[in-house]
């Protein structure tokens, strides 16, 4: 099964200059823990709720004056929409990530795949192995 068959297509994105209080509001309204940072249609970073807590609040920055680019993770792992789900799951486990943006052949973001998506649509044994890898101490 290809990732495009199980990915979430409705992905929340923000621009690099979005203020963090706006980013947090998007997360709250969508009940999600991350948003993708996109510039000119290209993936440039990702922000999680943990990033906001650790890179903004803990570092004594203010969320209404700090923008997404200042705290986003710019090194983003991703998968292609034609990738097979079991390879993506293994890659997520190996890299200890719970979600991956999904790109098409033109390197445009077309969705996101999460541990939850894989759990709903694939076998539980594979997801258990993936989660075990994610949770292993470094």
C-alpha atoms as a PDB file:
ATOM      1  CA  UNK A   1       0.000   0.000   0.000  1.00  0.00           C
ATOM      2  CA  UNK A   2       1.337   3.423  -0.930  1.00  0.00           C
ATOM      3  CA  UNK A   3       1.474   6.295   1.563  1.00  0.00           C
ATOM      4  CA  UNK A   4      -0.867   8.430  -0.580  1.00  0.00           C
ATOM      5  CA  UNK A   5      -3.613   5.921   0.244  1.00  0.00           C
ATOM      6  CA  UNK A   6      -3.370   6.462   4.005  1.00  0.00           C
ATOM      7  CA  UNK A   7      -1.888   9.948   4.527  1.00  0.00           C
ATOM      8  CA  UNK A   8      -3.838  12.896   5.901  1.00  0.00           C
ATOM      9  CA  UNK A   9      -4.352  15.437   3.125  1.00  0.00           C
ATOM     10  CA  UNK A  10      -5.593  18.296   5.282  1.00  0.00           C
ATOM     11  CA  UNK A  11      -2.299  19.626   6.656  1.00  0.00           C
ATOM     12  CA  UNK A  12      -1.925  22.792   8.695  1.00  0.00           C
ATOM     13  CA  UNK A  13       0.829  25.059   7.355  1.00  0.00           C
ATOM     14  CA  UNK A  14       2.261  28.436   8.350  1.00  0.00           C
ATOM     15  CA  UNK A  15       4.669  30.901   6.779  1.00  0.00           C
ATOM     16  CA  UNK A  16       8.140  31.397   8.291  1.00  0.00           C
ATOM     17  CA  UNK A  17       7.150  34.859   9.537  1.00  0.00           C
ATOM     18  CA  UNK A  18       4.052  33.627  11.426  1.00  0.00           C
ATOM     19  CA  UNK A  19       4.158  34.613  15.097  1.00  0.00           C
ATOM     20  CA  UNK A  20       4.232  31.707  17.530  1.00  0.00           C
ATOM     21  CA  UNK A  21       1.028  32.685  19.293  1.00  0.00           C
ATOM     22  CA  UNK A  22      -0.688  32.298  15.875  1.00  0.00           C
ATOM     23  CA  UNK A  23       1.004  28.930  15.375  1.00  0.00           C
ATOM     24  CA  UNK A  24      -0.140  27.766  18.829  1.00  0.00           C
ATOM     25  CA  UNK A  25      -3.704  28.906  18.105  1.00  0.00           C
ATOM     26  CA  UNK A  26      -3.715  26.857  14.886  1.00  0.00           C
ATOM     27  CA  UNK A  27      -2.530  23.820  16.830  1.00  0.00           C
ATOM     28  CA  UNK A  28      -5.232  24.382  19.427  1.00  0.00           C
ATOM     29  CA  UNK A  29      -8.052  24.864  16.913  1.00  0.00           C
ATOM     30  CA  UNK A  30      -6.982  21.802  14.902  1.00  0.00           C
ATOM     31  CA  UNK A  31      -6.124  19.706  17.961  1.00  0.00           C
ATOM     32  CA  UNK A  32      -2.722  18.860  16.520  1.00  0.00           C
ATOM     33  CA  UNK A  33       0.781  18.936  17.916  1.00  0.00           C
ATOM     34  CA  UNK A  34       2.657  20.190  14.877  1.00  0.00           C
ATOM     35  CA  UNK A  35       2.456  22.448  11.859  1.00  0.00           C
ATOM     36  CA  UNK A  36       4.555  22.520   8.731  1.00  0.00           C
ATOM     37  CA  UNK A  37       6.376  25.701   7.736  1.00  0.00           C
ATOM     38  CA  UNK A  38       6.057  26.408   4.009  1.00  0.00           C
ATOM     39  CA  UNK A  39       7.561  29.187   1.896  1.00  0.00           C
ATOM     40  CA  UNK A  40       6.728  29.632  -1.791  1.00  0.00           C
ATOM     41  CA  UNK A  41       5.017  26.235  -1.779  1.00  0.00           C
ATOM     42  CA  UNK A  42       8.110  24.456  -0.461  1.00  0.00           C
ATOM     43  CA  UNK A  43       8.608  22.707   2.840  1.00  0.00           C
ATOM     44  CA  UNK A  44      11.165  24.661   4.918  1.00  0.00           C
ATOM     45  CA  UNK A  45      10.578  23.441   8.465  1.00  0.00           C
ATOM     46  CA  UNK A  46       8.314  22.001  11.105  1.00  0.00           C
ATOM     47  CA  UNK A  47       7.193  23.259  14.502  1.00  0.00           C
ATOM     48  CA  UNK A  48       5.832  21.077  17.278  1.00  0.00           C
ATOM     49  CA  UNK A  49       4.149  22.096  20.493  1.00  0.00           C
ATOM     50  CA  UNK A  50       7.308  20.873  22.219  1.00  0.00           C
ATOM     51  CA  UNK A  51       9.409  23.273  20.109  1.00  0.00           C
ATOM     52  CA  UNK A  52       7.257  26.165  21.303  1.00  0.00           C
ATOM     53  CA  UNK A  53       7.671  25.117  24.929  1.00  0.00           C
ATOM     54  CA  UNK A  54      11.419  24.481  24.767  1.00  0.00           C
ATOM     55  CA  UNK A  55      12.762  26.869  22.140  1.00  0.00           C
ATOM     56  CA  UNK A  56      10.469  29.792  22.846  1.00  0.00           C
ATOM     57  CA  UNK A  57       9.047  29.757  26.365  1.00  0.00           C
ATOM     58  CA  UNK A  58      11.970  28.044  28.141  1.00  0.00           C
ATOM     59  CA  UNK A  59      14.437  30.345  26.363  1.00  0.00           C
ATOM     60  CA  UNK A  60      12.423  33.333  27.606  1.00  0.00           C
ATOM     61  CA  UNK A  61      11.168  34.486  24.204  1.00  0.00           C
ATOM     62  CA  UNK A  62       7.685  35.890  23.852  1.00  0.00           C
ATOM     63  CA  UNK A  63       5.291  34.024  21.522  1.00  0.00           C
ATOM     64  CA  UNK A  64       3.808  37.233  20.131  1.00  0.00           C
ATOM     65  CA  UNK A  65       7.196  38.564  19.000  1.00  0.00           C
ATOM     66  CA  UNK A  66       8.946  35.320  18.023  1.00  0.00           C
ATOM     67  CA  UNK A  67       8.290  33.920  14.559  1.00  0.00           C
ATOM     68  CA  UNK A  68       8.146  30.391  13.215  1.00  0.00           C
ATOM     69  CA  UNK A  69      11.501  30.598  11.448  1.00  0.00           C
ATOM     70  CA  UNK A  70      13.275  31.356  14.742  1.00  0.00           C
ATOM     71  CA  UNK A  71      12.297  28.077  16.403  1.00  0.00           C
ATOM     72  CA  UNK A  72      11.341  25.680  13.605  1.00  0.00           C
ATOM     73  CA  UNK A  73      13.332  22.562  12.885  1.00  0.00           C
ATOM     74  CA  UNK A  74      14.727  23.206   9.409  1.00  0.00           C
ATOM     75  CA  UNK A  75      16.087  19.694   8.773  1.00  0.00           C
ATOM     76  CA  UNK A  76      12.917  17.903   7.784  1.00  0.00           C
ATOM     77  CA  UNK A  77      12.600  14.243   7.008  1.00  0.00           C
ATOM     78  CA  UNK A  78       9.892  13.426   4.493  1.00  0.00           C
ATOM     79  CA  UNK A  79       8.596  10.608   2.357  1.00  0.00           C
ATOM     80  CA  UNK A  80       7.192  10.418  -1.144  1.00  0.00           C
ATOM     81  CA  UNK A  81       3.515   9.756  -1.822  1.00  0.00           C
ATOM     82  CA  UNK A  82       4.429   6.625  -3.795  1.00  0.00           C
ATOM     83  CA  UNK A  83       6.541   5.101  -0.992  1.00  0.00           C
ATOM     84  CA  UNK A  84       5.323   1.828   0.461  1.00  0.00           C
ATOM     85  CA  UNK A  85       3.877   2.156   3.974  1.00  0.00           C
ATOM     86  CA  UNK A  86       6.073  -0.506   5.568  1.00  0.00           C
ATOM     87  CA  UNK A  87       9.271   1.211   4.426  1.00  0.00           C
ATOM     88  CA  UNK A  88       7.961   4.566   5.692  1.00  0.00           C
ATOM     89  CA  UNK A  89       7.064   3.007   9.050  1.00  0.00           C
ATOM     90  CA  UNK A  90      10.541   1.496   9.378  1.00  0.00           C
ATOM     91  CA  UNK A  91      12.114   4.849   8.461  1.00  0.00           C
ATOM     92  CA  UNK A  92       9.977   6.663  11.048  1.00  0.00           C
ATOM     93  CA  UNK A  93      11.032   4.170  13.718  1.00  0.00           C
ATOM     94  CA  UNK A  94      14.700   4.403  12.762  1.00  0.00           C
ATOM     95  CA  UNK A  95      14.611   8.212  12.863  1.00  0.00           C
ATOM     96  CA  UNK A  96      12.378   8.381  15.969  1.00  0.00           C
ATOM     97  CA  UNK A  97       9.673  10.556  14.406  1.00  0.00           C
ATOM     98  CA  UNK A  98       5.915  10.285  14.803  1.00  0.00           C
ATOM     99  CA  UNK A  99       4.968  12.075  11.592  1.00  0.00           C
ATOM    100  CA  UNK A 100       6.416  12.790   8.158  1.00  0.00           C
ATOM    101  CA  UNK A 101       5.390  15.293   5.493  1.00  0.00           C
ATOM    102  CA  UNK A 102       4.518  13.588   2.215  1.00  0.00           C
ATOM    103  CA  UNK A 103       5.817  15.041  -1.061  1.00  0.00           C
ATOM    104  CA  UNK A 104       4.821  14.316  -4.647  1.00  0.00           C
ATOM    105  CA  UNK A 105       7.165  13.829  -7.622  1.00  0.00           C
ATOM    106  CA  UNK A 106       7.481  17.630  -7.952  1.00  0.00           C
ATOM    107  CA  UNK A 107       8.624  17.897  -4.300  1.00  0.00           C
ATOM    108  CA  UNK A 108       5.374  19.665  -3.351  1.00  0.00           C
ATOM    109  CA  UNK A 109       3.779  18.745  -0.050  1.00  0.00           C
ATOM    110  CA  UNK A 110       0.578  16.775  -0.598  1.00  0.00           C
ATOM    111  CA  UNK A 111      -0.052  15.443   2.905  1.00  0.00           C
ATOM    112  CA  UNK A 112       1.354  14.153   6.151  1.00  0.00           C
ATOM    113  CA  UNK A 113       1.539  10.635   7.521  1.00  0.00           C
ATOM    114  CA  UNK A 114       1.483  10.000  11.244  1.00  0.00           C
ATOM    115  CA  UNK A 115       1.829   7.067  13.571  1.00  0.00           C
ATOM    116  CA  UNK A 116      -1.964   7.245  13.921  1.00  0.00           C
ATOM    117  CA  UNK A 117      -2.495   6.997  10.150  1.00  0.00           C
ATOM    118  CA  UNK A 118      -0.267   3.946   9.975  1.00  0.00           C
ATOM    119  CA  UNK A 119      -2.008   2.356  12.959  1.00  0.00           C
ATOM    120  CA  UNK A 120      -5.450   2.805  11.372  1.00  0.00           C
ATOM    121  CA  UNK A 121      -4.474   1.410   7.988  1.00  0.00           C
ATOM    122  CA  UNK A 122      -1.688  -1.111   8.460  1.00  0.00           C
ATOM    123  CA  UNK A 123      -0.847  -4.042  10.693  1.00  0.00           C
ATOM    124  CA  UNK A 124      -0.453  -3.559  14.420  1.00  0.00           C
ATOM    125  CA  UNK A 125       2.752  -5.594  14.630  1.00  0.00           C
ATOM    126  CA  UNK A 126       4.552  -3.167  12.314  1.00  0.00           C
ATOM    127  CA  UNK A 127       3.243  -0.169  14.260  1.00  0.00           C
ATOM    128  CA  UNK A 128       4.276  -1.725  17.555  1.00  0.00           C
ATOM    129  CA  UNK A 129       7.793  -2.247  16.237  1.00  0.00           C
ATOM    130  CA  UNK A 130       7.882   1.320  14.937  1.00  0.00           C
ATOM    131  CA  UNK A 131       6.709   2.760  18.251  1.00  0.00           C
ATOM    132  CA  UNK A 132       9.245   0.611  20.089  1.00  0.00           C
ATOM    133  CA  UNK A 133      12.027   2.098  17.968  1.00  0.00           C
ATOM    134  CA  UNK A 134      10.724   5.655  18.479  1.00  0.00           C
ATOM    135  CA  UNK A 135      10.642   5.208  22.260  1.00  0.00           C
ATOM    136  CA  UNK A 136      14.052   3.523  22.603  1.00  0.00           C
ATOM    137  CA  UNK A 137      16.650   5.564  24.436  1.00  0.00           C
ATOM    138  CA  UNK A 138      19.325   7.011  22.157  1.00  0.00           C
END
